[in-house]
Amino acid sequence: MIESRFRTAAPAFASESDAAAGACGCQPIGIGDAWRLASRQLDRLDARLLIEHICGCTHADLLAHPEKPLSGRQLAALTALIMRRARGEPIAYLLGSADFYGLRFRVSPAVLVPRPETELLVELALAQLRHREQAKVLDLGTGSGVLAISLARLSPKARLTAVDLSPAALAVARDNAARHAVEVEFLLGDWFAPVGERRFDLIVANPPYVADGDPHLLGDGLPFEPAIALTDGVPDGDGLACLRQIVGAAGAHLLPGGCLLVEHGHTQAANVRRLLEQAGFSTVASWRDLAGVERVSGGGLP
């Protein structure tokens, strides 16, 4: 029987799994029955991923060997994860990893979960790096390091520097760099402060851009993610405070002909283009993600 604390945590799954085990006269239940029961509580894909994570099995195992038993420890752990996911905690935090641009990265509540729309920033950066030998690249607010590490993997001649204000985030990023066997210089500090007067060929940033108090911060798993990486925290602000700092200071840290690319919110493109033009950038433009949203803006120094 599942321990009482797990009955309290996820009563529907716990009671049904006990019933399934009793019906077949065995304990514990098989992974196939566990998937079926968990899917009543969660999205079917989420349920499958949690079972694979707990049991160390594959999707093929679930289909070919649904009778493979879960141990009591595995069933208890699965019940706890179902409870957490049902409360809205991002699946990436429960699994401890997330995929981004074809690579798998470790994630924790110290960093944002990588979003597919941020892959546009990688594609635009790679287009810039194709024409620059041994480019110096700066990633501001690196978080889990997905931007810097993806660029280091795909542009091995580039020299990557990544900055973040959070020591915990940098620990995750360093671990990811080691996992993917790339060299990235990680620096602790606020935006450009740690790099002093150094200049770069390319600066990329995915800064906090959700306005403080935006109702979206209350849903879609965002309450579980680090607020410092989501919003600038300015009361009654427009979410552009960090973007203003980055765009305003970027010119002093770019080499002649250098480029700045920043991710922003779905309604902020026009304002960000205006900031870039006011800061003296040329060839200012915005680019749309796969959903058709203007998600990244940037420009170059003359």
C-alpha atoms as a PDB file:
ATOM      1  CA  MET A   1       0.000   0.000   0.000  1.00  0.00           C
ATOM      2  CA  ILE A   2       1.153   3.554  -0.651  1.00  0.00           C
ATOM      3  CA  GLU A   3       2.135   5.423   2.466  1.00  0.00           C
ATOM      4  CA  SER A   4      -0.522   7.661   3.966  1.00  0.00           C
ATOM      5  CA  ARG A   5       1.334  10.879   3.226  1.00  0.00           C
ATOM      6  CA  PHE A   6       1.127  10.112  -0.481  1.00  0.00           C
ATOM      7  CA  ARG A   7      -2.583   9.338  -0.197  1.00  0.00           C
ATOM      8  CA  THR A   8      -3.007  12.853   1.148  1.00  0.00           C
ATOM      9  CA  ALA A   9      -0.772  14.368  -1.516  1.00  0.00           C
ATOM     10  CA  ALA A  10      -2.485  12.855  -4.533  1.00  0.00           C
ATOM     11  CA  PRO A  11      -5.529  10.933  -3.285  1.00  0.00           C
ATOM     12  CA  ALA A  12      -7.077  10.167  -6.674  1.00  0.00           C
ATOM     13  CA  PHE A  13      -3.974   8.568  -8.135  1.00  0.00           C
ATOM     14  CA  ALA A  14      -3.066   6.814  -4.872  1.00  0.00           C
ATOM     15  CA  SER A  15      -6.478   5.245  -4.347  1.00  0.00           C
ATOM     16  CA  GLU A  16      -6.832   4.167  -7.980  1.00  0.00           C
ATOM     17  CA  SER A  17      -3.342   2.691  -8.078  1.00  0.00           C
ATOM     18  CA  ASP A  18      -4.081   0.735  -4.897  1.00  0.00           C
ATOM     19  CA  ALA A  19      -7.299  -0.522  -6.455  1.00  0.00           C
ATOM     20  CA  ALA A  20      -5.502  -1.546  -9.642  1.00  0.00           C
ATOM     21  CA  ALA A  21      -2.891  -3.408  -7.642  1.00  0.00           C
ATOM     22  CA  GLY A  22      -5.575  -5.192  -5.626  1.00  0.00           C
ATOM     23  CA  ALA A  23      -7.466  -6.190  -8.750  1.00  0.00           C
ATOM     24  CA  CYS A  24      -4.477  -7.949 -10.233  1.00  0.00           C
ATOM     25  CA  GLY A  25      -3.511  -9.509  -6.917  1.00  0.00           C
ATOM     26  CA  CYS A  26      -0.030  -8.059  -6.979  1.00  0.00           C
ATOM     27  CA  GLN A  27       1.900  -5.134  -5.608  1.00  0.00           C
ATOM     28  CA  PRO A  28       3.150  -2.872  -7.031  1.00  0.00           C
ATOM     29  CA  ILE A  29       1.311  -2.093 -10.245  1.00  0.00           C
ATOM     30  CA  GLY A  30       2.818  -2.090 -13.722  1.00  0.00           C
ATOM     31  CA  ILE A  31       4.094   0.969 -15.546  1.00  0.00           C
ATOM     32  CA  GLY A  32       1.275   0.742 -18.075  1.00  0.00           C
ATOM     33  CA  ASP A  33      -1.421   0.914 -15.406  1.00  0.00           C
ATOM     34  CA  ALA A  34       0.485   3.695 -13.667  1.00  0.00           C
ATOM     35  CA  TRP A  35       0.560   5.702 -16.917  1.00  0.00           C
ATOM     36  CA  ARG A  36      -3.161   5.164 -17.460  1.00  0.00           C
ATOM     37  CA  LEU A  37      -4.047   6.255 -13.941  1.00  0.00           C
ATOM     38  CA  ALA A  38      -1.649   9.208 -13.897  1.00  0.00           C
ATOM     39  CA  SER A  39      -3.134  10.416 -17.184  1.00  0.00           C
ATOM     40  CA  ARG A  40      -6.433  10.943 -15.378  1.00  0.00           C
ATOM     41  CA  GLN A  41      -4.720  13.537 -13.195  1.00  0.00           C
ATOM     42  CA  LEU A  42      -2.307  15.093 -15.697  1.00  0.00           C
ATOM     43  CA  ASP A  43      -1.689  15.692 -19.362  1.00  0.00           C
ATOM     44  CA  ARG A  44      -0.869  12.313 -20.911  1.00  0.00           C
ATOM     45  CA  LEU A  45       2.599  13.413 -22.044  1.00  0.00           C
ATOM     46  CA  ASP A  46       3.438  14.821 -18.605  1.00  0.00           C
ATOM     47  CA  ALA A  47       2.322  11.564 -16.990  1.00  0.00           C
ATOM     48  CA  ARG A  48       4.509   9.554 -19.358  1.00  0.00           C
ATOM     49  CA  LEU A  49       7.565  11.730 -18.771  1.00  0.00           C
ATOM     50  CA  LEU A  50       7.215  11.452 -15.002  1.00  0.00           C
ATOM     51  CA  ILE A  51       6.939   7.661 -15.147  1.00  0.00           C
ATOM     52  CA  GLU A  52       9.947   7.401 -17.440  1.00  0.00           C
ATOM     53  CA  HIS A  53      11.889   9.656 -15.084  1.00  0.00           C
ATOM     54  CA  ILE A  54      11.012   7.726 -11.932  1.00  0.00           C
ATOM     55  CA  CYS A  55      11.340   4.242 -13.407  1.00  0.00           C
ATOM     56  CA  GLY A  56      14.256   4.777 -15.768  1.00  0.00           C
ATOM     57  CA  CYS A  57      12.226   3.381 -18.639  1.00  0.00           C
ATOM     58  CA  THR A  58      11.534   4.584 -22.164  1.00  0.00           C
ATOM     59  CA  HIS A  59       8.381   5.230 -24.151  1.00  0.00           C
ATOM     60  CA  ALA A  60       9.067   1.962 -25.942  1.00  0.00           C
ATOM     61  CA  ASP A  61       9.142   0.164 -22.574  1.00  0.00           C
ATOM     62  CA  LEU A  62       5.759   1.581 -21.689  1.00  0.00           C
ATOM     63  CA  LEU A  63       4.286   0.289 -24.917  1.00  0.00           C
ATOM     64  CA  ALA A  64       6.081  -3.046 -25.125  1.00  0.00           C
ATOM     65  CA  HIS A  65       6.252  -4.003 -21.436  1.00  0.00           C
ATOM     66  CA  PRO A  66       3.342  -2.324 -19.605  1.00  0.00           C
ATOM     67  CA  GLU A  67       3.447  -5.060 -16.972  1.00  0.00           C
ATOM     68  CA  LYS A  68       6.921  -3.981 -15.781  1.00  0.00           C
ATOM     69  CA  PRO A  69       6.369  -3.364 -12.062  1.00  0.00           C
ATOM     70  CA  LEU A  70       7.036  -0.232 -10.074  1.00  0.00           C
ATOM     71  CA  SER A  71       8.617  -0.674  -6.676  1.00  0.00           C
ATOM     72  CA  GLY A  72       6.875   0.783  -3.662  1.00  0.00           C
ATOM     73  CA  ARG A  73       9.522   3.503  -3.527  1.00  0.00           C
ATOM     74  CA  GLN A  74       8.968   4.379  -7.188  1.00  0.00           C
ATOM     75  CA  LEU A  75       5.200   4.485  -6.741  1.00  0.00           C
ATOM     76  CA  ALA A  76       5.520   6.797  -3.753  1.00  0.00           C
ATOM     77  CA  ALA A  77       7.913   9.085  -5.629  1.00  0.00           C
ATOM     78  CA  LEU A  78       5.594   9.148  -8.651  1.00  0.00           C
ATOM     79  CA  THR A  79       2.621  10.048  -6.471  1.00  0.00           C
ATOM     80  CA  ALA A  80       4.558  12.969  -4.981  1.00  0.00           C
ATOM     81  CA  LEU A  81       5.526  14.257  -8.439  1.00  0.00           C
ATOM     82  CA  ILE A  82       1.950  13.978  -9.659  1.00  0.00           C
ATOM     83  CA  MET A  83       0.875  16.137  -6.741  1.00  0.00           C
ATOM     84  CA  ARG A  84       3.502  18.770  -7.555  1.00  0.00           C
ATOM     85  CA  ARG A  85       2.643  18.827 -11.256  1.00  0.00           C
ATOM     86  CA  ALA A  86      -1.074  19.062 -10.479  1.00  0.00           C
ATOM     87  CA  ARG A  87      -0.311  22.177  -8.453  1.00  0.00           C
ATOM     88  CA  GLY A  88       1.286  23.765 -11.510  1.00  0.00           C
ATOM     89  CA  GLU A  89       5.004  23.210 -10.941  1.00  0.00           C
ATOM     90  CA  PRO A  90       6.800  23.135 -14.320  1.00  0.00           C
ATOM     91  CA  ILE A  91       7.487  19.645 -15.615  1.00  0.00           C
ATOM     92  CA  ALA A  92      11.113  20.642 -16.275  1.00  0.00           C
ATOM     93  CA  TYR A  93      11.725  21.217 -12.560  1.00  0.00           C
ATOM     94  CA  LEU A  94      10.263  17.805 -11.725  1.00  0.00           C
ATOM     95  CA  LEU A  95      12.448  16.109 -14.340  1.00  0.00           C
ATOM     96  CA  GLY A  96      15.471  18.280 -13.566  1.00  0.00           C
ATOM     97  CA  SER A  97      16.098  18.970 -17.246  1.00  0.00           C
ATOM     98  CA  ALA A  98      14.700  20.623 -20.365  1.00  0.00           C
ATOM     99  CA  ASP A  99      15.476  20.500 -24.075  1.00  0.00           C
ATOM    100  CA  PHE A 100      16.594  23.593 -25.965  1.00  0.00           C
ATOM    101  CA  TYR A 101      17.832  23.864 -29.543  1.00  0.00           C
ATOM    102  CA  GLY A 102      18.432  20.126 -29.768  1.00  0.00           C
ATOM    103  CA  LEU A 103      20.382  19.922 -26.515  1.00  0.00           C
ATOM    104  CA  ARG A 104      19.357  18.833 -23.032  1.00  0.00           C
ATOM    105  CA  PHE A 105      20.091  21.165 -20.124  1.00  0.00           C
ATOM    106  CA  ARG A 106      19.866  20.759 -16.383  1.00  0.00           C
ATOM    107  CA  VAL A 107      17.390  23.160 -14.813  1.00  0.00           C
ATOM    108  CA  SER A 108      16.341  23.953 -11.265  1.00  0.00           C
ATOM    109  CA  PRO A 109      14.061  26.520  -9.596  1.00  0.00           C
ATOM    110  CA  ALA A 110      17.101  28.841  -9.612  1.00  0.00           C
ATOM    111  CA  VAL A 111      16.717  29.376 -13.368  1.00  0.00           C
ATOM    112  CA  LEU A 112      13.961  29.946 -15.879  1.00  0.00           C
ATOM    113  CA  VAL A 113      12.710  26.996 -17.871  1.00  0.00           C
ATOM    114  CA  PRO A 114      14.030  27.466 -21.452  1.00  0.00           C
ATOM    115  CA  ARG A 115      11.302  28.492 -23.915  1.00  0.00           C
ATOM    116  CA  PRO A 116      11.075  27.446 -27.563  1.00  0.00           C
ATOM    117  CA  GLU A 117      10.675  31.079 -28.648  1.00  0.00           C
ATOM    118  CA  THR A 118      14.157  31.853 -27.315  1.00  0.00           C
ATOM    119  CA  GLU A 119      15.589  29.539 -29.981  1.00  0.00           C
ATOM    120  CA  LEU A 120      15.001  32.416 -32.413  1.00  0.00           C
ATOM    121  CA  LEU A 121      17.674  34.361 -30.531  1.00  0.00           C
ATOM    122  CA  VAL A 122      20.121  31.503 -31.124  1.00  0.00           C
ATOM    123  CA  GLU A 123      19.349  31.404 -34.846  1.00  0.00           C
ATOM    124  CA  LEU A 124      19.841  35.156 -35.255  1.00  0.00           C
ATOM    125  CA  ALA A 125      23.074  35.067 -33.269  1.00  0.00           C
ATOM    126  CA  LEU A 126      24.420  32.195 -35.371  1.00  0.00           C
ATOM    127  CA  ALA A 127      23.687  34.200 -38.515  1.00  0.00           C
ATOM    128  CA  GLN A 128      25.865  36.996 -37.129  1.00  0.00           C
ATOM    129  CA  LEU A 129      28.667  34.655 -36.133  1.00  0.00           C
ATOM    130  CA  ARG A 130      28.954  33.072 -39.571  1.00  0.00           C
ATOM    131  CA  HIS A 131      30.643  36.242 -40.781  1.00  0.00           C
ATOM    132  CA  ARG A 132      32.891  36.810 -37.762  1.00  0.00           C
ATOM    133  CA  GLU A 133      36.032  34.786 -37.111  1.00  0.00           C
ATOM    134  CA  GLN A 134      36.762  34.159 -33.418  1.00  0.00           C
ATOM    135  CA  ALA A 135      33.990  36.513 -32.379  1.00  0.00           C
ATOM    136  CA  LYS A 136      33.725  37.702 -28.808  1.00  0.00           C
ATOM    137  CA  VAL A 137      30.187  37.094 -27.559  1.00  0.00           C
ATOM    138  CA  LEU A 138      28.536  38.288 -24.347  1.00  0.00           C
ATOM    139  CA  ASP A 139      25.385  36.660 -22.951  1.00  0.00           C
ATOM    140  CA  LEU A 140      23.660  38.843 -20.359  1.00  0.00           C
ATOM    141  CA  GLY A 141      21.425  37.183 -17.769  1.00  0.00           C
ATOM    142  CA  THR A 142      22.529  33.720 -18.822  1.00  0.00           C
ATOM    143  CA  GLY A 143      20.388  31.724 -16.337  1.00  0.00           C
ATOM    144  CA  SER A 144      20.904  28.047 -17.108  1.00  0.00           C
ATOM    145  CA  GLY A 145      23.363  29.026 -19.843  1.00  0.00           C
ATOM    146  CA  VAL A 146      21.306  27.799 -22.793  1.00  0.00           C
ATOM    147  CA  LEU A 147      22.200  30.721 -25.067  1.00  0.00           C
ATOM    148  CA  ALA A 148      25.927  30.819 -24.374  1.00  0.00           C
ATOM    149  CA  ILE A 149      26.329  27.039 -24.418  1.00  0.00           C
ATOM    150  CA  SER A 150      24.287  26.563 -27.603  1.00  0.00           C
ATOM    151  CA  LEU A 151      26.371  29.229 -29.350  1.00  0.00           C
ATOM    152  CA  ALA A 152      29.619  27.734 -28.051  1.00  0.00           C
ATOM    153  CA  ARG A 153      28.609  24.314 -29.356  1.00  0.00           C
ATOM    154  CA  LEU A 154      27.562  25.567 -32.776  1.00  0.00           C
ATOM    155  CA  SER A 155      30.256  28.233 -33.214  1.00  0.00           C
ATOM    156  CA  PRO A 156      33.324  26.625 -31.650  1.00  0.00           C
ATOM    157  CA  LYS A 157      35.640  29.455 -32.727  1.00  0.00           C
ATOM    158  CA  ALA A 158      33.601  32.048 -30.848  1.00  0.00           C
ATOM    159  CA  ARG A 159      34.701  33.105 -27.364  1.00  0.00           C
ATOM    160  CA  LEU A 160      31.738  33.168 -24.993  1.00  0.00           C
ATOM    161  CA  THR A 161      31.310  35.203 -21.811  1.00  0.00           C
ATOM    162  CA  ALA A 162      28.125  34.849 -19.756  1.00  0.00           C
ATOM    163  CA  VAL A 163      26.936  37.034 -16.878  1.00  0.00           C
ATOM    164  CA  ASP A 164      24.269  36.510 -14.247  1.00  0.00           C
ATOM    165  CA  LEU A 165      23.323  38.168 -10.976  1.00  0.00           C
ATOM    166  CA  SER A 166      22.456  34.862  -9.290  1.00  0.00           C
ATOM    167  CA  PRO A 167      25.202  32.583  -7.915  1.00  0.00           C
ATOM    168  CA  ALA A 168      22.735  29.682  -7.943  1.00  0.00           C
ATOM    169  CA  ALA A 169      21.960  30.262 -11.614  1.00  0.00           C
ATOM    170  CA  LEU A 170      25.654  30.399 -12.490  1.00  0.00           C
ATOM    171  CA  ALA A 171      26.187  27.080 -10.720  1.00  0.00           C
ATOM    172  CA  VAL A 172      23.561  25.503 -12.984  1.00  0.00           C
ATOM    173  CA  ALA A 173      25.089  27.166 -16.065  1.00  0.00           C
ATOM    174  CA  ARG A 174      28.598  25.967 -15.216  1.00  0.00           C
ATOM    175  CA  ASP A 175      27.302  22.439 -14.783  1.00  0.00           C
ATOM    176  CA  ASN A 176      25.595  22.617 -18.179  1.00  0.00           C
ATOM    177  CA  ALA A 177      28.765  23.882 -19.827  1.00  0.00           C
ATOM    178  CA  ALA A 178      30.689  20.954 -18.373  1.00  0.00           C
ATOM    179  CA  ARG A 179      28.001  18.510 -19.532  1.00  0.00           C
ATOM    180  CA  HIS A 180      28.279  19.810 -23.092  1.00  0.00           C
ATOM    181  CA  ALA A 181      32.071  20.111 -22.984  1.00  0.00           C
ATOM    182  CA  VAL A 182      32.234  23.780 -23.990  1.00  0.00           C
ATOM    183  CA  GLU A 183      34.316  26.635 -22.648  1.00  0.00           C
ATOM    184  CA  VAL A 184      32.344  29.618 -21.417  1.00  0.00           C
ATOM    185  CA  GLU A 185      33.605  32.345 -19.114  1.00  0.00           C
ATOM    186  CA  PHE A 186      30.986  32.811 -16.384  1.00  0.00           C
ATOM    187  CA  LEU A 187      30.926  36.044 -14.390  1.00  0.00           C
ATOM    188  CA  LEU A 188      28.809  37.049 -11.406  1.00  0.00           C
ATOM    189  CA  GLY A 189      27.287  40.513 -11.447  1.00  0.00           C
ATOM    190  CA  ASP A 190      24.709  42.955 -12.727  1.00  0.00           C
ATOM    191  CA  TRP A 191      24.574  43.234 -16.531  1.00  0.00           C
ATOM    192  CA  PHE A 192      27.801  44.863 -17.829  1.00  0.00           C
ATOM    193  CA  ALA A 193      29.436  45.490 -14.445  1.00  0.00           C
ATOM    194  CA  PRO A 194      31.573  42.293 -14.381  1.00  0.00           C
ATOM    195  CA  VAL A 195      33.096  42.878 -17.848  1.00  0.00           C
ATOM    196  CA  GLY A 196      34.490  46.336 -17.079  1.00  0.00           C
ATOM    197  CA  GLU A 197      35.479  48.115 -20.286  1.00  0.00           C
ATOM    198  CA  ARG A 198      35.706  45.003 -22.439  1.00  0.00           C
ATOM    199  CA  ARG A 199      34.040  45.078 -25.866  1.00  0.00           C
ATOM    200  CA  PHE A 200      32.374  42.340 -27.879  1.00  0.00           C
ATOM    201  CA  ASP A 201      31.349  41.564 -31.440  1.00  0.00           C
ATOM    202  CA  LEU A 202      27.934  40.339 -30.351  1.00  0.00           C
ATOM    203  CA  ILE A 203      25.802  40.833 -27.258  1.00  0.00           C
ATOM    204  CA  VAL A 204      22.714  38.696 -26.650  1.00  0.00           C
ATOM    205  CA  ALA A 205      20.248  38.988 -23.796  1.00  0.00           C
ATOM    206  CA  ASN A 206      16.982  37.496 -22.648  1.00  0.00           C
ATOM    207  CA  PRO A 207      16.306  39.825 -19.716  1.00  0.00           C
ATOM    208  CA  PRO A 208      13.249  40.107 -17.444  1.00  0.00           C
ATOM    209  CA  TYR A 209      10.571  41.892 -19.453  1.00  0.00           C
ATOM    210  CA  VAL A 210       7.222  41.065 -17.819  1.00  0.00           C
ATOM    211  CA  ALA A 211       5.748  44.116 -16.100  1.00  0.00           C
ATOM    212  CA  ASP A 212       5.535  43.912 -12.328  1.00  0.00           C
ATOM    213  CA  GLY A 213       2.037  42.877 -11.308  1.00  0.00           C
ATOM    214  CA  ASP A 214       1.149  41.446 -14.716  1.00  0.00           C
ATOM    215  CA  PRO A 215      -1.565  38.808 -14.132  1.00  0.00           C
ATOM    216  CA  HIS A 216       0.331  36.373 -16.369  1.00  0.00           C
ATOM    217  CA  LEU A 217       2.856  36.011 -13.535  1.00  0.00           C
ATOM    218  CA  LEU A 218       0.215  34.135 -11.555  1.00  0.00           C
ATOM    219  CA  GLY A 219      -0.280  31.308 -14.044  1.00  0.00           C
ATOM    220  CA  ASP A 220       1.375  28.839 -16.390  1.00  0.00           C
ATOM    221  CA  GLY A 221       3.859  27.708 -13.748  1.00  0.00           C
ATOM    222  CA  LEU A 222       5.447  31.170 -13.438  1.00  0.00           C
ATOM    223  CA  PRO A 223       4.954  31.396  -9.639  1.00  0.00           C
ATOM    224  CA  PHE A 224       7.481  28.554  -9.350  1.00  0.00           C
ATOM    225  CA  GLU A 225      10.130  30.279 -11.492  1.00  0.00           C
ATOM    226  CA  PRO A 226      12.575  32.924 -10.171  1.00  0.00           C
ATOM    227  CA  ALA A 227      10.795  36.285 -10.153  1.00  0.00           C
ATOM    228  CA  ILE A 228      14.100  38.110 -10.632  1.00  0.00           C
ATOM    229  CA  ALA A 229      14.392  36.478 -14.066  1.00  0.00           C
ATOM    230  CA  LEU A 230      10.826  37.280 -15.096  1.00  0.00           C
ATOM    231  CA  THR A 231      10.151  40.866 -14.086  1.00  0.00           C
ATOM    232  CA  ASP A 232      12.153  43.992 -13.294  1.00  0.00           C
ATOM    233  CA  GLY A 233       9.993  44.468 -10.199  1.00  0.00           C
ATOM    234  CA  VAL A 234       9.312  48.145 -10.924  1.00  0.00           C
ATOM    235  CA  PRO A 235       5.878  49.022  -9.463  1.00  0.00           C
ATOM    236  CA  ASP A 236       3.499  50.292 -12.157  1.00  0.00           C
ATOM    237  CA  GLY A 237       6.308  49.859 -14.710  1.00  0.00           C
ATOM    238  CA  ASP A 238       6.153  48.710 -18.309  1.00  0.00           C
ATOM    239  CA  GLY A 239       8.579  45.789 -18.054  1.00  0.00           C
ATOM    240  CA  LEU A 240      11.237  47.624 -20.076  1.00  0.00           C
ATOM    241  CA  ALA A 241      13.537  48.750 -17.258  1.00  0.00           C
ATOM    242  CA  CYS A 242      16.148  46.014 -17.842  1.00  0.00           C
ATOM    243  CA  LEU A 243      15.952  46.423 -21.601  1.00  0.00           C
ATOM    244  CA  ARG A 244      16.563  50.168 -21.198  1.00  0.00           C
ATOM    245  CA  GLN A 245      19.683  49.461 -19.139  1.00  0.00           C
ATOM    246  CA  ILE A 246      21.042  46.928 -21.606  1.00  0.00           C
ATOM    247  CA  VAL A 247      20.331  48.905 -24.767  1.00  0.00           C
ATOM    248  CA  GLY A 248      21.563  52.149 -23.221  1.00  0.00           C
ATOM    249  CA  ALA A 249      24.898  50.682 -22.132  1.00  0.00           C
ATOM    250  CA  ALA A 250      25.517  48.201 -24.946  1.00  0.00           C
ATOM    251  CA  GLY A 251      27.185  50.693 -27.291  1.00  0.00           C
ATOM    252  CA  ALA A 252      30.069  51.150 -24.869  1.00  0.00           C
ATOM    253  CA  HIS A 253      30.666  47.389 -24.889  1.00  0.00           C
ATOM    254  CA  LEU A 254      30.449  46.653 -28.611  1.00  0.00           C
ATOM    255  CA  LEU A 255      33.291  46.678 -31.098  1.00  0.00           C
ATOM    256  CA  PRO A 256      32.804  48.712 -34.299  1.00  0.00           C
ATOM    257  CA  GLY A 257      30.241  46.915 -36.400  1.00  0.00           C
ATOM    258  CA  GLY A 258      29.089  44.943 -33.372  1.00  0.00           C
ATOM    259  CA  CYS A 259      25.523  43.730 -32.941  1.00  0.00           C
ATOM    260  CA  LEU A 260      23.032  43.624 -30.073  1.00  0.00           C
ATOM    261  CA  LEU A 261      20.122  41.129 -30.017  1.00  0.00           C
ATOM    262  CA  VAL A 262      17.536  41.103 -27.231  1.00  0.00           C
ATOM    263  CA  GLU A 263      14.430  39.057 -26.550  1.00  0.00           C
ATOM    264  CA  HIS A 264      11.338  40.934 -25.352  1.00  0.00           C
ATOM    265  CA  GLY A 265       7.610  40.623 -24.772  1.00  0.00           C
ATOM    266  CA  HIS A 266       5.044  40.165 -27.512  1.00  0.00           C
ATOM    267  CA  THR A 267       3.852  43.801 -27.318  1.00  0.00           C
ATOM    268  CA  GLN A 268       7.236  45.471 -26.793  1.00  0.00           C
ATOM    269  CA  ALA A 269       8.898  45.312 -30.220  1.00  0.00           C
ATOM    270  CA  ALA A 270       8.094  48.878 -31.285  1.00  0.00           C
ATOM    271  CA  ASN A 271       9.309  50.301 -27.966  1.00  0.00           C
ATOM    272  CA  VAL A 272      12.523  48.266 -28.099  1.00  0.00           C
ATOM    273  CA  ARG A 273      13.233  49.389 -31.663  1.00  0.00           C
ATOM    274  CA  ARG A 274      12.784  52.972 -30.487  1.00  0.00           C
ATOM    275  CA  LEU A 275      15.263  52.378 -27.649  1.00  0.00           C
ATOM    276  CA  LEU A 276      17.795  50.948 -30.106  1.00  0.00           C
ATOM    277  CA  GLU A 277      17.457  53.897 -32.470  1.00  0.00           C
ATOM    278  CA  GLN A 278      17.782  56.391 -29.617  1.00  0.00           C
ATOM    279  CA  ALA A 279      20.963  54.609 -28.509  1.00  0.00           C
ATOM    280  CA  GLY A 280      22.519  55.095 -31.953  1.00  0.00           C
ATOM    281  CA  PHE A 281      22.040  51.630 -33.429  1.00  0.00           C
ATOM    282  CA  SER A 282      21.538  51.239 -37.157  1.00  0.00           C
ATOM    283  CA  THR A 283      19.805  48.552 -39.227  1.00  0.00           C
ATOM    284  CA  VAL A 284      17.340  48.193 -36.359  1.00  0.00           C
ATOM    285  CA  ALA A 285      14.829  45.398 -36.890  1.00  0.00           C
ATOM    286  CA  SER A 286      12.533  42.927 -35.140  1.00  0.00           C
ATOM    287  CA  TRP A 287      12.095  39.242 -35.943  1.00  0.00           C
ATOM    288  CA  ARG A 288       9.115  36.965 -35.465  1.00  0.00           C
ATOM    289  CA  ASP A 289       9.136  33.603 -33.708  1.00  0.00           C
ATOM    290  CA  LEU A 290       7.320  30.521 -35.002  1.00  0.00           C
ATOM    291  CA  ALA A 291       4.069  31.810 -33.514  1.00  0.00           C
ATOM    292  CA  GLY A 292       4.358  34.956 -35.638  1.00  0.00           C
ATOM    293  CA  VAL A 293       5.162  37.159 -32.639  1.00  0.00           C
ATOM    294  CA  GLU A 294       7.848  39.858 -32.845  1.00  0.00           C
ATOM    295  CA  ARG A 295      10.051  38.290 -30.198  1.00  0.00           C
ATOM    296  CA  VAL A 296      13.623  39.546 -30.825  1.00  0.00           C
ATOM    297  CA  SER A 297      14.873  42.992 -31.796  1.00  0.00           C
ATOM    298  CA  GLY A 298      18.355  44.211 -32.488  1.00  0.00           C
ATOM    299  CA  GLY A 299      20.680  46.478 -34.344  1.00  0.00           C
ATOM    300  CA  GLY A 300      24.299  47.115 -35.170  1.00  0.00           C
ATOM    301  CA  LEU A 301      26.809  49.805 -34.428  1.00  0.00           C
ATOM    302  CA  PRO A 302      27.821  51.788 -37.518  1.00  0.00           C
END
